[in-house]
Amino acid sequence: MKKTLFALFSAVLLTAPTAFAAVNGGVNCAACTVLVGLAEQTSQLQAVPITKALSKVCSLLPSPLDYTCSTLIAWYGPNLIKMLEDKYTPDVVCSTIGMCTNENGRYCNVFPAPKAATGRRLLQSELDKEIEALKIKYNFKNYKFNVCDWIPNICNIGEHKPVFDSDGDLCANYGPLRGHNWRGRDCDDNHNSIFPGRFDYDIGADNNCNGIFGVDPVTNVPYEKQFCEGTGQMGVAILGDSATAHFRIPPNYFVASNLTYNTFKHLITNLENELDFPMLSWSTGHTPVSDYDPDVEGPIDSIYMRLRENNLCNNNDFQNIGVNGADSSSLRNNLSKILSRDKRISPLPQKPLLLYMAMIGNDVCSSRTKSRNTPEQYHDNVLATVLDLDANVPAGTKMVLIGLVDGRILYNSMHDKIHPLGSTNKDVTYEAFYDYLNCLEVSPCSGWMNSNETIRNATSATAKAMRDKLPHIVEKTRGKLQNIELFYLGDVIDDALNAYLANGGHGSDLIEPADGFHPNQLGQFMLAQYIWNATVSAGIIPPANPNNDKIRQIFFPNEIKVSTPIA
C-alpha cells in the first residue's frame, strides 16, 4: 500500500543535491505537490475524471511501479478524490493531507493561492486558516514510508563506490550504481590486479583494460610498449559536486502534456545513477546522448573524449567522482580517498592522471542562505586535499583547480520564465519555484536561487573570496609537491558563460529546466570545449600520440576517427 507513485517522486527528489534536513514537509511536501499537480493537469488536458487521470499516470510507469502506483487512490480514499474534484490547489491538498506542514509558521506554496469569494487571491494568513479548517474537516491519516524498502540500491551508495565490485578495485562491469557509467569498465571483475589505469605492458592479457595488448609478431615487442610508451598517456579524473556529476531531473517528469509510455522508461536506471549523467558530462562523457532519449537531448563533448582521441592508449581510463551536495569538506574527508588511482587502494604501478577539482558552488550553497564554509575553511580544505593526493597518486599527475562560479546568472536568466510544473496553465514561474524550495529549505542553493538581490550578491561575493584562494594555494605549494603539478585556470567557467552571452546566447539556454540550477547538456558541451582549450593553453596536454592510426587499425578497426565533437 505504501509503494506508490508518491513514494516514487519522493525517491526522485531524495536523490537531488539538497540537504535532508528541511522544514514544512521538505522533500515529502515537494513530491506530493508535483504528483497532485500532474494529476490535476492530466485531468484538465484530457478532460477526464481525476481518478482516471491518476490511473493514466500510473499506467505509464515501468513495471513493477505501475502496479504499486495504483494503490494511491486507496491510500487516502474518497476524501482525497473529493478535494481534487473540488479543484483545490496541489499546495492546499498536500497541506491538508499532512505531507506539507507549517513548522516555521506558514504553509509553503508554489502554485498561486486560491481565490476568495471576492475573486482576489487569499493572503498568506487566510490561506493558513483555510488549510487548518480543511484538516479538521477531512481528518486524513498521516502515512509513513521508507523509500529504501522498495528501491534499496539507491540507499546503498553512501560511500559513492561501485555497488557491484567483486574484486574491490573500485571499477565494475555494471553501469549504474557508481559502475562504468562513472569509471572505466573493469574488464575482469574477479581480479583486483586488472583495472583501468594500471601501468602494464599487457603481454598476455589486457591488464589495464584499454583494449591494447599482445605482442607484435614482427618486432616481438609488446604492443603496449611499442605504441604507448613515452607518449604521455594519462587518465582523466574529476572530484566535484552535482554539476560535475551532471545532475538532471528529466523535465518531462513534470509536464503533464508530455507524459507518454517513453517518459519513465529510464526511471529505474536514472534513480540508480542518483539522477546524474556522468556518461554525458563535460569531464567524462563517453556515451551517445541518443541512448538516453527522451530524458536528455543535445550535443556531447568531454575532456575524456578529447584526451582519448589525443592518445588512444588512454582508452577507458576515466573517473567521475562527482557527488550531489558535495563541497570542499566532502573533498577533504571522503571523495579524494575513493580515487582509484591511489596507492592506498592498489600498490601496483599506475599511470598518471589529468585530475580536475571542480567544487563550483556548494561551499556557498545550502538549503539556507548561510554558506556552508568560510573562505578560510575552503582554503584549508582544498590545500589539505592537494597535499593528501600528492602523497598517494602516481608521479606526473597534473591537477587543475576550478573555482566557484558566479551563480547570479541563475536568477537573472530564469526568474520570469515558466517552470515545467506550470507549463499547463502558465502559473508557476522560476521565481515562485525558487522561493518555494527556500520555504521548504530544500533548495540546492538558497543564496543564488532567491528573489532577494542582496542575498544573491552576498553569495557571489563569498564565492569570489573562495575562488581567490586558489592561486595562492598554487603559489604556496610550488616546488613542494612530489607527484602533482598544480594548475589554476582562472575564472574558466565564468569566462565560458560570459563568452556565450557575449555571442548572443541566453543564460537560460544552458540551465536545466527542472531544477533551474545545473548546467544542461548544451552547458556541459560548452564547458568541455572551453575547459579543454584552457587546459591545452596551459601546456598540460601532451602532443598527440603518433601511433594512433596504427592502434586504431589493429585494435579499433570499426571505429571512426573523431575530428569534431559528437552532436
Protein backbone atom coordinates (compact mmCIF):
# COMPACT_ATOMS: atom_id res chain seq x y z
CA MET A 1 0.00 0.00 0.00
CA LYS A 2 2.87 2.36 0.69
CA LYS A 3 4.79 1.71 -2.51
CA THR A 4 3.05 4.36 -4.52
CA LEU A 5 3.70 6.98 -7.12
CA PHE A 6 4.10 9.43 -4.26
CA ALA A 7 6.98 7.34 -2.96
CA LEU A 8 8.38 7.30 -6.47
CA PHE A 9 8.52 11.08 -6.70
CA SER A 10 9.97 11.19 -3.20
CA ALA A 11 12.75 8.90 -4.43
CA VAL A 12 13.37 11.24 -7.35
CA LEU A 13 13.64 14.22 -5.04
CA LEU A 14 15.64 12.35 -2.37
CA THR A 15 18.45 11.86 -4.86
CA ALA A 16 18.58 15.60 -5.51
CA PRO A 17 21.61 17.62 -4.35
CA THR A 18 19.94 19.15 -1.32
CA ALA A 19 20.14 18.80 2.43
CA PHE A 20 17.87 16.19 4.01
CA ALA A 21 17.19 18.44 6.99
CA ALA A 22 14.21 20.52 5.92
CA VAL A 23 11.08 22.19 7.25
CA ASN A 24 7.41 22.44 6.32
CA GLY A 25 7.39 18.90 4.93
CA GLY A 26 10.57 19.22 2.88
CA VAL A 27 11.05 16.58 0.19
CA ASN A 28 7.78 14.78 1.03
CA CYS A 29 5.84 18.01 0.56
CA ALA A 30 7.55 18.75 -2.77
CA ALA A 31 6.93 15.21 -4.04
CA CYS A 32 3.26 15.34 -3.10
CA THR A 33 2.83 18.74 -4.75
CA VAL A 34 4.38 17.51 -8.01
CA LEU A 35 2.20 14.41 -8.07
CA VAL A 36 -1.06 16.19 -7.33
CA GLY A 37 -0.18 18.90 -9.85
CA LEU A 38 0.43 16.31 -12.57
CA ALA A 39 -2.82 14.50 -11.76
CA GLU A 40 -4.89 17.70 -11.88
CA GLN A 41 -3.25 18.87 -15.10
CA THR A 42 -3.71 15.47 -16.76
CA SER A 43 -7.39 15.55 -15.81
CA GLN A 44 -7.67 19.05 -17.25
CA LEU A 45 -5.82 18.35 -20.51
CA GLN A 46 -7.57 15.08 -21.27
CA ALA A 47 -10.96 16.16 -19.90
CA VAL A 48 -11.23 13.02 -17.76
CA PRO A 49 -12.16 12.49 -14.09
CA ILE A 50 -9.34 12.80 -11.60
CA THR A 51 -9.45 9.06 -10.79
CA LYS A 52 -8.88 8.22 -14.44
CA ALA A 53 -6.08 10.79 -14.66
CA LEU A 54 -4.31 9.14 -11.73
CA SER A 55 -4.71 5.73 -13.33
CA LYS A 56 -3.33 7.11 -16.59
CA VAL A 57 -0.20 8.42 -14.90
CA CYS A 58 0.27 5.11 -13.07
CA SER A 59 -0.02 3.12 -16.29
CA LEU A 60 2.95 4.96 -17.77
CA LEU A 61 5.38 3.74 -15.12
CA PRO A 62 7.73 0.81 -15.73
CA SER A 63 6.90 -2.49 -14.04
CA PRO A 64 6.53 -3.12 -11.14
CA LEU A 65 5.96 0.53 -10.30
CA ASP A 66 2.82 0.66 -12.42
CA TYR A 67 1.13 -1.86 -10.11
CA THR A 68 2.23 -0.25 -6.86
CA CYS A 69 1.15 3.16 -8.11
CA SER A 70 -2.46 2.02 -8.40
CA THR A 71 -2.73 1.90 -4.59
CA LEU A 72 -2.52 5.68 -4.34
CA ILE A 73 -6.27 6.23 -4.64
CA ALA A 74 -6.95 3.65 -1.93
CA TRP A 75 -4.23 5.13 0.30
CA TYR A 76 -6.10 8.32 1.13
CA GLY A 77 -9.53 7.24 -0.05
CA PRO A 78 -12.51 9.18 -1.37
CA ASN A 79 -11.77 12.33 0.63
CA LEU A 80 -8.64 12.90 -1.46
CA ILE A 81 -10.60 12.45 -4.66
CA LYS A 82 -13.23 14.89 -3.37
CA MET A 83 -10.58 17.54 -2.72
CA LEU A 84 -9.10 17.08 -6.20
CA GLU A 85 -12.53 17.24 -7.82
CA ASP A 86 -13.24 20.46 -5.91
CA LYS A 87 -10.17 22.00 -7.60
CA TYR A 88 -8.12 22.70 -4.52
CA THR A 89 -4.58 23.63 -5.49
CA PRO A 90 -1.86 20.98 -5.08
CA ASP A 91 -0.35 23.02 -2.23
CA VAL A 92 -3.65 23.05 -0.32
CA VAL A 93 -4.25 19.32 -0.92
CA CYS A 94 -0.79 18.29 0.26
CA SER A 95 -1.00 20.54 3.31
CA THR A 96 -4.42 19.15 4.20
CA ILE A 97 -3.33 15.50 4.00
CA GLY A 98 -0.30 16.27 6.16
CA MET A 99 2.53 15.94 3.68
CA CYS A 100 3.20 19.68 3.92
CA THR A 101 3.43 21.28 7.36
CA ASN A 102 3.89 24.74 8.85
CA GLU A 103 6.85 24.33 11.20
CA ASN A 104 8.09 27.86 10.58
CA GLY A 105 4.66 29.41 10.95
CA ARG A 106 3.42 29.27 7.35
CA TYR A 107 2.46 26.79 4.64
CA CYS A 108 4.59 26.90 1.51
CA ASN A 109 3.02 27.22 -1.91
CA VAL A 110 4.43 27.07 -5.42
CA PHE A 111 1.09 27.43 -7.22
CA PRO A 112 -0.90 30.68 -6.93
CA ALA A 113 -3.00 30.86 -3.76
CA PRO A 114 -6.73 30.04 -4.11
CA LYS A 115 -9.15 32.90 -4.64
CA ALA A 116 -11.53 34.24 -2.03
CA ALA A 117 -15.24 34.72 -2.77
CA THR A 118 -14.49 38.26 -3.92
CA GLY A 119 -12.13 36.95 -6.61
CA ARG A 120 -8.86 38.14 -5.05
CA ARG A 121 -6.08 35.74 -4.04
CA LEU A 122 -6.07 34.67 -0.41
CA LEU A 123 -3.47 36.30 1.77
CA GLN A 124 -0.95 34.01 3.44
CA SER A 125 -2.71 34.26 6.81
CA GLU A 126 -6.07 33.46 5.18
CA LEU A 127 -4.60 30.51 3.33
CA ASP A 128 -3.13 29.11 6.54
CA LYS A 129 -6.52 29.36 8.28
CA GLU A 130 -8.30 27.63 5.38
CA ILE A 131 -5.86 24.74 5.45
CA GLU A 132 -6.32 24.29 9.19
CA ALA A 133 -10.10 24.19 8.70
CA LEU A 134 -9.78 21.62 5.88
CA LYS A 135 -7.54 19.40 8.05
CA ILE A 136 -10.26 19.28 10.70
CA LYS A 137 -12.94 18.64 8.09
CA TYR A 138 -11.20 15.74 6.32
CA ASN A 139 -9.07 14.33 9.17
CA PHE A 140 -6.64 12.45 6.92
CA LYS A 141 -4.40 9.79 8.44
CA ASN A 142 -0.70 10.56 8.01
CA TYR A 143 1.09 7.61 6.37
CA LYS A 144 4.82 6.93 6.63
CA PHE A 145 7.06 5.01 4.24
CA ASN A 146 10.70 4.24 3.61
CA VAL A 147 11.92 4.58 0.02
CA CYS A 148 14.76 2.16 0.79
CA ASP A 149 12.20 -0.62 1.26
CA TRP A 150 11.35 -0.65 -2.42
CA ILE A 151 14.44 0.68 -4.23
CA PRO A 152 17.17 -0.45 -1.78
CA ASN A 153 20.05 0.13 -4.18
CA ILE A 154 19.63 3.91 -4.15
CA CYS A 155 20.24 3.78 -0.41
CA ASN A 156 23.44 1.71 -0.79
CA ILE A 157 25.61 4.31 -2.47
CA GLY A 158 26.51 6.43 0.52
CA GLU A 159 30.23 5.78 0.09
CA HIS A 160 29.99 6.63 -3.62
CA LYS A 161 31.82 3.47 -4.62
CA PRO A 162 30.61 0.87 -7.16
CA VAL A 163 27.91 -1.26 -5.55
CA PHE A 164 28.84 -4.29 -7.68
CA ASP A 165 32.63 -4.56 -7.47
CA SER A 166 33.66 -8.16 -6.85
CA ASP A 167 37.41 -7.55 -6.61
CA GLY A 168 37.39 -4.26 -4.70
CA ASP A 169 39.40 -2.26 -7.25
CA LEU A 170 36.68 0.47 -7.48
CA CYS A 171 35.78 -0.50 -11.06
CA ALA A 172 32.80 -2.53 -12.22
CA ASN A 173 31.02 -4.18 -15.14
CA TYR A 174 27.58 -2.82 -14.22
CA GLY A 175 26.92 0.71 -15.48
CA PRO A 176 24.76 2.48 -12.86
CA LEU A 177 25.26 2.42 -9.08
CA ARG A 178 28.69 4.06 -9.47
CA GLY A 179 29.78 1.46 -12.05
CA HIS A 180 31.16 2.02 -15.55
CA ASN A 181 28.84 4.96 -16.20
CA TRP A 182 31.15 6.69 -13.72
CA ARG A 183 34.55 4.98 -14.15
CA GLY A 184 36.27 2.95 -16.82
CA ARG A 185 34.77 -0.51 -17.27
CA ASP A 186 36.52 -3.32 -15.38
CA CYS A 187 37.49 -5.93 -17.96
CA ASP A 188 37.94 -8.60 -15.23
CA ASP A 189 35.99 -8.02 -12.05
CA ASN A 190 37.39 -11.14 -10.40
CA HIS A 191 41.00 -9.96 -10.20
CA ASN A 192 42.00 -6.71 -8.49
CA SER A 193 45.25 -6.64 -10.46
CA ILE A 194 43.26 -5.87 -13.62
CA PHE A 195 41.72 -2.40 -13.79
CA PRO A 196 41.72 0.75 -15.97
CA GLY A 197 44.80 2.90 -15.45
CA ARG A 198 47.23 0.21 -14.41
CA PHE A 199 50.71 0.61 -15.89
CA ASP A 200 51.50 -2.71 -17.60
CA TYR A 201 52.81 -3.88 -20.96
CA ASP A 202 49.89 -6.32 -21.31
CA ILE A 203 51.70 -9.16 -22.98
CA GLY A 204 49.22 -11.93 -22.27
CA ALA A 205 46.15 -10.06 -21.03
CA ASP A 206 44.65 -6.59 -21.12
CA ASN A 207 45.59 -5.77 -17.55
CA ASN A 208 44.79 -2.04 -17.86
CA CYS A 209 41.55 -2.55 -19.81
CA ASN A 210 42.43 -0.09 -22.59
CA GLY A 211 41.95 -2.69 -25.34
CA ILE A 212 45.64 -2.75 -26.34
CA PHE A 213 47.54 -5.95 -25.53
CA GLY A 214 49.65 -8.73 -27.01
CA VAL A 215 52.98 -8.79 -28.85
CA ASP A 216 53.81 -7.52 -32.35
CA PRO A 217 54.79 -10.68 -34.29
CA VAL A 218 57.19 -8.69 -36.48
CA THR A 219 59.11 -6.74 -33.82
CA ASN A 220 58.44 -9.15 -30.92
CA VAL A 221 57.72 -6.07 -28.79
CA PRO A 222 54.56 -5.79 -26.67
CA TYR A 223 52.06 -3.53 -28.42
CA GLU A 224 51.56 -1.53 -25.23
CA LYS A 225 55.27 -0.77 -25.07
CA GLN A 226 55.59 -0.15 -28.81
CA PHE A 227 52.58 2.15 -29.18
CA CYS A 228 52.15 3.75 -25.75
CA GLU A 229 55.50 4.09 -24.00
CA GLY A 230 56.72 7.68 -23.90
CA THR A 231 53.54 9.10 -25.43
CA GLY A 232 52.33 10.97 -22.34
CA GLN A 233 49.42 8.63 -21.65
CA MET A 234 47.23 9.59 -18.69
CA GLY A 235 43.73 9.02 -17.42
CA VAL A 236 41.24 11.75 -16.60
CA ALA A 237 39.51 12.07 -13.24
CA ILE A 238 37.39 14.72 -11.60
CA LEU A 239 36.47 15.37 -7.99
CA GLY A 240 33.39 17.53 -7.76
CA ASP A 241 29.75 18.13 -6.98
CA SER A 242 26.40 17.65 -8.71
CA ALA A 243 27.41 19.85 -11.66
CA THR A 244 30.42 17.55 -12.10
CA ALA A 245 28.15 14.50 -11.95
CA HIS A 246 25.73 16.20 -14.41
CA PHE A 247 22.65 16.14 -12.20
CA ARG A 248 19.44 16.25 -14.19
CA ILE A 249 15.79 15.55 -13.47
CA PRO A 250 14.18 14.98 -16.87
CA PRO A 251 11.77 17.92 -17.30
CA ASN A 252 9.18 15.66 -18.89
CA TYR A 253 8.62 14.18 -15.43
CA PHE A 254 6.91 17.49 -14.57
CA VAL A 255 4.96 18.22 -17.76
CA ALA A 256 1.52 16.61 -17.90
CA SER A 257 1.16 17.13 -21.66
CA ASN A 258 4.39 15.21 -22.30
CA LEU A 259 3.59 12.11 -20.26
CA THR A 260 3.81 9.03 -22.52
CA TYR A 261 4.99 5.44 -22.21
CA ASN A 262 8.52 6.65 -23.03
CA THR A 263 8.63 9.27 -20.28
CA PHE A 264 9.67 6.92 -17.49
CA LYS A 265 11.42 4.16 -19.45
CA HIS A 266 14.83 5.01 -17.93
CA LEU A 267 13.45 5.83 -14.49
CA ILE A 268 14.99 2.95 -12.53
CA THR A 269 18.39 3.45 -14.16
CA ASN A 270 18.17 7.19 -13.52
CA LEU A 271 17.48 6.60 -9.83
CA GLU A 272 20.36 4.12 -9.61
CA ASN A 273 22.58 6.84 -11.06
CA GLU A 274 21.32 9.33 -8.44
CA LEU A 275 19.71 11.32 -11.27
CA ASP A 276 23.22 12.00 -12.53
CA PHE A 277 24.51 11.58 -16.09
CA PRO A 278 28.32 11.37 -15.75
CA MET A 279 28.47 9.45 -19.03
CA LEU A 280 27.28 12.66 -20.75
CA SER A 281 29.18 15.20 -18.65
CA TRP A 282 31.81 17.76 -19.68
CA SER A 283 34.58 15.80 -17.97
CA THR A 284 33.85 12.09 -18.52
CA GLY A 285 31.16 11.95 -21.21
CA HIS A 286 31.60 8.88 -23.40
CA THR A 287 28.14 7.63 -24.42
CA PRO A 288 25.85 8.80 -27.28
CA VAL A 289 23.13 11.11 -25.99
CA SER A 290 20.62 9.16 -28.09
CA ASP A 291 21.00 6.23 -25.66
CA TYR A 292 19.10 8.31 -23.10
CA ASP A 293 16.28 9.64 -25.27
CA PRO A 294 13.88 11.19 -24.28
CA ASP A 295 15.49 12.17 -20.96
CA VAL A 296 18.39 14.12 -22.47
CA GLU A 297 18.94 15.90 -25.75
CA GLY A 298 21.79 17.97 -27.10
CA PRO A 299 25.43 17.54 -28.15
CA ILE A 300 28.16 15.72 -26.26
CA ASP A 301 31.81 16.56 -25.82
CA SER A 302 34.16 15.86 -22.92
CA ILE A 303 37.71 16.07 -21.63
CA TYR A 304 37.86 12.26 -21.68
CA MET A 305 36.76 12.01 -25.32
CA ARG A 306 39.35 14.58 -26.37
CA LEU A 307 42.12 13.08 -24.24
CA ARG A 308 41.34 9.65 -25.68
CA GLU A 309 41.40 10.95 -29.24
CA ASN A 310 44.71 12.65 -28.48
CA ASN A 311 46.13 9.30 -27.35
CA LEU A 312 44.22 6.05 -27.86
CA CYS A 313 46.31 4.49 -25.09
CA ASN A 314 44.01 6.49 -22.76
CA ASN A 315 41.01 4.41 -23.84
CA ASN A 316 38.60 3.52 -20.99
CA ASP A 317 40.62 5.47 -18.41
CA PHE A 318 38.28 7.92 -16.67
CA GLN A 319 36.75 8.52 -13.26
CA ASN A 320 33.88 10.83 -12.33
CA ILE A 321 33.78 11.29 -8.57
CA GLY A 322 31.08 13.92 -8.59
CA VAL A 323 28.67 13.76 -5.65
CA ASN A 324 25.38 15.58 -5.27
CA GLY A 325 25.69 18.10 -2.47
CA ALA A 326 29.46 17.72 -2.03
CA ASP A 327 31.65 20.66 -1.02
CA SER A 328 35.32 21.15 -0.12
CA SER A 329 34.76 19.48 3.26
CA SER A 330 33.49 16.37 1.45
CA LEU A 331 36.53 16.57 -0.80
CA ARG A 332 38.90 16.60 2.14
CA ASN A 333 37.16 13.99 4.26
CA ASN A 334 36.00 11.43 1.73
CA LEU A 335 35.99 11.96 -2.02
CA SER A 336 39.74 12.23 -2.54
CA LYS A 337 40.13 8.87 -0.82
CA ILE A 338 37.95 6.93 -3.28
CA LEU A 339 40.03 7.86 -6.30
CA SER A 340 41.13 4.52 -7.71
CA ARG A 341 44.49 5.94 -8.81
CA ASP A 342 45.76 5.75 -5.23
CA LYS A 343 48.47 3.55 -3.77
CA ARG A 344 46.31 3.06 -0.67
CA ILE A 345 43.89 1.14 -2.89
CA SER A 346 46.38 -0.69 -5.13
CA PRO A 347 50.19 -0.88 -4.77
CA LEU A 348 50.59 -1.78 -8.46
CA PRO A 349 52.22 0.76 -10.81
CA GLN A 350 49.62 3.12 -12.30
CA LYS A 351 49.51 5.79 -14.97
CA PRO A 352 49.39 9.48 -14.04
CA LEU A 353 46.20 11.47 -14.11
CA LEU A 354 44.80 14.65 -15.53
CA LEU A 355 42.89 15.43 -12.34
CA TYR A 356 40.33 18.22 -12.03
CA MET A 357 38.93 19.53 -8.76
CA ALA A 358 35.66 21.33 -9.50
CA MET A 359 33.66 22.23 -6.40
CA ILE A 360 31.87 25.09 -8.12
CA GLY A 361 29.04 26.00 -5.76
CA ASN A 362 28.21 24.02 -2.66
CA ASP A 363 30.65 25.76 -0.34
CA VAL A 364 28.37 28.80 -0.57
CA CYS A 365 25.21 26.84 -1.41
CA SER A 366 22.93 25.24 1.11
CA SER A 367 19.22 24.98 1.78
CA ARG A 368 19.57 28.16 3.83
CA THR A 369 21.18 31.46 2.90
CA LYS A 370 24.16 30.86 5.22
CA SER A 371 27.25 29.45 3.48
CA ARG A 372 28.49 26.02 4.47
CA ASN A 373 32.13 27.09 4.76
CA THR A 374 34.06 30.30 5.19
CA PRO A 375 36.70 31.27 2.61
CA GLU A 376 39.37 30.29 5.14
CA GLN A 377 37.82 26.84 5.65
CA TYR A 378 37.57 26.42 1.89
CA HIS A 379 41.27 27.26 1.54
CA ASP A 380 42.25 24.78 4.25
CA ASN A 381 40.08 22.01 2.76
CA VAL A 382 41.48 22.41 -0.74
CA LEU A 383 45.07 22.64 0.47
CA ALA A 384 44.71 19.54 2.66
CA THR A 385 43.20 17.64 -0.26
CA VAL A 386 46.08 18.60 -2.58
CA LEU A 387 48.68 17.50 -0.02
CA ASP A 388 46.89 14.22 0.68
CA LEU A 389 46.58 13.39 -3.01
CA ASP A 390 50.20 14.33 -3.67
CA ALA A 391 51.31 11.66 -1.23
CA ASN A 392 49.29 8.92 -2.93
CA VAL A 393 48.73 9.49 -6.66
CA PRO A 394 51.20 8.46 -9.42
CA ALA A 395 54.08 10.76 -10.27
CA GLY A 396 53.44 13.03 -13.24
CA THR A 397 49.82 13.76 -12.29
CA LYS A 398 48.54 17.17 -13.46
CA MET A 399 45.94 18.65 -11.11
CA VAL A 400 43.72 21.52 -12.24
CA LEU A 401 41.80 23.62 -9.71
CA ILE A 402 38.46 25.08 -10.87
CA GLY A 403 36.88 27.68 -8.63
CA LEU A 404 33.34 28.59 -7.65
CA VAL A 405 31.13 30.27 -10.22
CA ASP A 406 29.15 33.48 -10.03
CA GLY A 407 25.69 31.95 -9.75
CA ARG A 408 23.72 35.16 -10.20
CA ILE A 409 23.18 34.04 -13.79
CA LEU A 410 20.56 31.61 -12.45
CA TYR A 411 18.00 34.09 -11.13
CA ASN A 412 18.83 36.71 -13.74
CA SER A 413 18.20 34.22 -16.56
CA MET A 414 15.28 32.22 -15.19
CA HIS A 415 13.15 34.14 -12.68
CA ASP A 416 10.42 35.34 -15.05
CA LYS A 417 10.21 32.15 -17.11
CA ILE A 418 7.65 29.37 -16.62
CA HIS A 419 8.80 26.25 -14.78
CA PRO A 420 7.83 22.89 -16.38
CA LEU A 421 5.45 22.22 -13.47
CA GLY A 422 3.48 25.31 -14.50
CA SER A 423 3.59 24.69 -18.24
CA THR A 424 -0.07 23.65 -18.49
CA ASN A 425 -1.58 26.83 -17.02
CA LYS A 426 1.45 29.15 -17.11
CA ASP A 427 1.07 29.59 -13.34
CA VAL A 428 4.48 28.67 -11.86
CA THR A 429 7.45 30.94 -12.55
CA TYR A 430 11.00 30.09 -11.56
CA GLU A 431 10.88 32.91 -9.03
CA ALA A 432 7.93 31.18 -7.34
CA PHE A 433 9.67 27.82 -7.67
CA TYR A 434 12.89 29.14 -6.08
CA ASP A 435 11.01 30.75 -3.19
CA TYR A 436 9.00 27.54 -2.68
CA LEU A 437 12.19 25.46 -2.35
CA ASN A 438 13.56 28.04 0.08
CA CYS A 439 10.36 27.88 2.14
CA LEU A 440 10.81 24.08 2.40
CA GLU A 441 14.56 24.52 2.98
CA VAL A 442 15.33 22.00 0.24
CA SER A 443 16.84 24.44 -2.26
CA PRO A 444 20.14 23.33 -3.78
CA CYS A 445 21.35 26.92 -3.39
CA SER A 446 19.22 29.30 -1.40
CA GLY A 447 21.80 32.06 -1.79
CA TRP A 448 21.51 32.28 -5.57
CA MET A 449 18.04 30.79 -6.16
CA ASN A 450 16.48 33.68 -4.30
CA SER A 451 14.32 36.69 -5.14
CA ASN A 452 16.36 38.80 -2.69
CA GLU A 453 19.06 40.57 -4.71
CA THR A 454 21.08 41.48 -1.61
CA ILE A 455 21.39 37.80 -0.68
CA ARG A 456 22.36 36.85 -4.25
CA ASN A 457 25.09 39.50 -4.33
CA ALA A 458 26.43 38.47 -0.93
CA THR A 459 26.60 34.83 -2.05
CA SER A 460 28.61 35.79 -5.14
CA ALA A 461 30.96 37.90 -3.03
CA THR A 462 31.67 34.91 -0.79
CA ALA A 463 32.19 32.68 -3.83
CA LYS A 464 34.72 35.15 -5.22
CA ALA A 465 36.57 35.28 -1.91
CA MET A 466 36.85 31.47 -2.03
CA ARG A 467 37.85 31.43 -5.69
CA ASP A 468 40.60 33.95 -4.97
CA LYS A 469 42.20 31.46 -2.55
CA LEU A 470 43.11 29.04 -5.35
CA PRO A 471 46.02 30.91 -6.99
CA HIS A 472 47.51 31.37 -3.51
CA ILE A 473 47.39 27.59 -2.99
CA VAL A 474 49.20 27.07 -6.29
CA GLU A 475 51.92 29.51 -5.25
CA LYS A 476 52.16 28.15 -1.70
CA THR A 477 52.78 24.60 -2.94
CA ARG A 478 55.05 25.45 -5.87
CA GLY A 479 58.21 23.32 -5.69
CA LYS A 480 56.92 21.41 -2.66
CA LEU A 481 54.81 18.71 -4.30
CA GLN A 482 56.36 15.37 -5.23
CA ASN A 483 53.83 13.73 -7.56
CA ILE A 484 51.49 16.54 -8.62
CA GLU A 485 51.97 19.59 -10.79
CA LEU A 486 49.25 22.04 -9.74
CA PHE A 487 47.43 24.49 -12.05
CA TYR A 488 44.72 27.13 -11.76
CA LEU A 489 42.99 28.20 -14.98
CA GLY A 490 41.43 31.39 -13.64
CA ASP A 491 37.66 32.01 -13.72
CA VAL A 492 37.32 29.48 -16.52
CA ILE A 493 33.61 28.65 -16.07
CA ASP A 494 32.55 32.28 -15.69
CA ASP A 495 34.70 33.10 -18.72
CA ALA A 496 32.88 30.42 -20.72
CA LEU A 497 29.46 31.74 -19.66
CA ASN A 498 30.38 35.34 -20.42
CA ALA A 499 31.73 34.40 -23.84
CA TYR A 500 28.48 32.58 -24.64
CA LEU A 501 26.39 35.57 -23.56
CA ALA A 502 28.63 37.99 -25.49
CA ASN A 503 28.00 35.97 -28.66
CA GLY A 504 24.24 36.44 -28.35
CA GLY A 505 23.37 33.39 -26.26
CA HIS A 506 20.98 33.41 -23.32
CA GLY A 507 21.75 32.07 -19.87
CA SER A 508 18.55 30.03 -19.90
CA ASP A 509 19.93 28.09 -22.89
CA LEU A 510 22.47 26.47 -20.56
CA ILE A 511 20.41 25.74 -17.40
CA GLU A 512 18.49 22.60 -16.53
CA PRO A 513 14.76 23.35 -16.76
CA ALA A 514 13.58 21.05 -13.94
CA ASP A 515 15.75 22.42 -11.14
CA GLY A 516 16.70 25.77 -12.64
CA PHE A 517 20.21 25.36 -11.28
CA HIS A 518 22.57 22.92 -13.01
CA PRO A 519 24.26 23.12 -16.43
CA ASN A 520 22.16 21.28 -19.03
CA GLN A 521 23.52 19.16 -21.87
CA LEU A 522 24.36 22.18 -24.01
CA GLY A 523 26.04 23.76 -20.99
CA GLN A 524 28.09 20.61 -20.40
CA PHE A 525 29.09 20.57 -24.07
CA MET A 526 30.19 24.19 -23.94
CA LEU A 527 32.17 23.68 -20.72
CA ALA A 528 34.00 20.70 -22.24
CA GLN A 529 35.22 22.79 -25.14
CA TYR A 530 36.16 25.84 -23.08
CA ILE A 531 37.91 23.92 -20.29
CA TRP A 532 39.74 21.70 -22.77
CA ASN A 533 41.03 24.73 -24.67
CA ALA A 534 42.15 26.38 -21.42
CA THR A 535 43.89 23.16 -20.36
CA VAL A 536 45.70 22.95 -23.69
CA SER A 537 46.70 26.62 -23.49
CA ALA A 538 48.21 25.97 -20.06
CA GLY A 539 50.55 23.40 -21.63
CA ILE A 540 49.05 20.48 -19.72
CA ILE A 541 48.04 18.20 -22.62
CA PRO A 542 50.88 16.18 -24.23
CA PRO A 543 51.25 16.09 -28.03
CA ALA A 544 49.10 13.61 -29.93
CA ASN A 545 50.29 10.01 -29.96
CA PRO A 546 51.92 9.45 -33.39
CA ASN A 547 50.85 5.78 -33.19
CA ASN A 548 47.12 6.47 -33.04
CA ASP A 549 46.41 5.36 -36.60
CA LYS A 550 48.25 2.07 -36.05
CA ILE A 551 46.42 1.47 -32.78
CA ARG A 552 43.06 2.18 -34.41
CA GLN A 553 43.83 -0.13 -37.34
CA ILE A 554 44.78 -3.08 -35.12
CA PHE A 555 42.59 -2.71 -32.04
CA PHE A 556 39.67 -0.45 -33.03
CA PRO A 557 39.22 -1.22 -36.75
CA ASN A 558 35.49 -0.43 -36.79
CA GLU A 559 35.88 2.92 -35.08
CA ILE A 560 35.53 6.16 -36.97
CA LYS A 561 38.17 8.74 -36.15
CA VAL A 562 36.60 11.68 -34.33
CA SER A 563 37.80 15.08 -35.54
CA THR A 564 34.90 17.19 -34.23
CA PRO A 565 32.62 16.95 -31.17
CA ILE A 566 29.75 14.48 -31.44
CA ALA A 567 26.31 16.05 -31.66
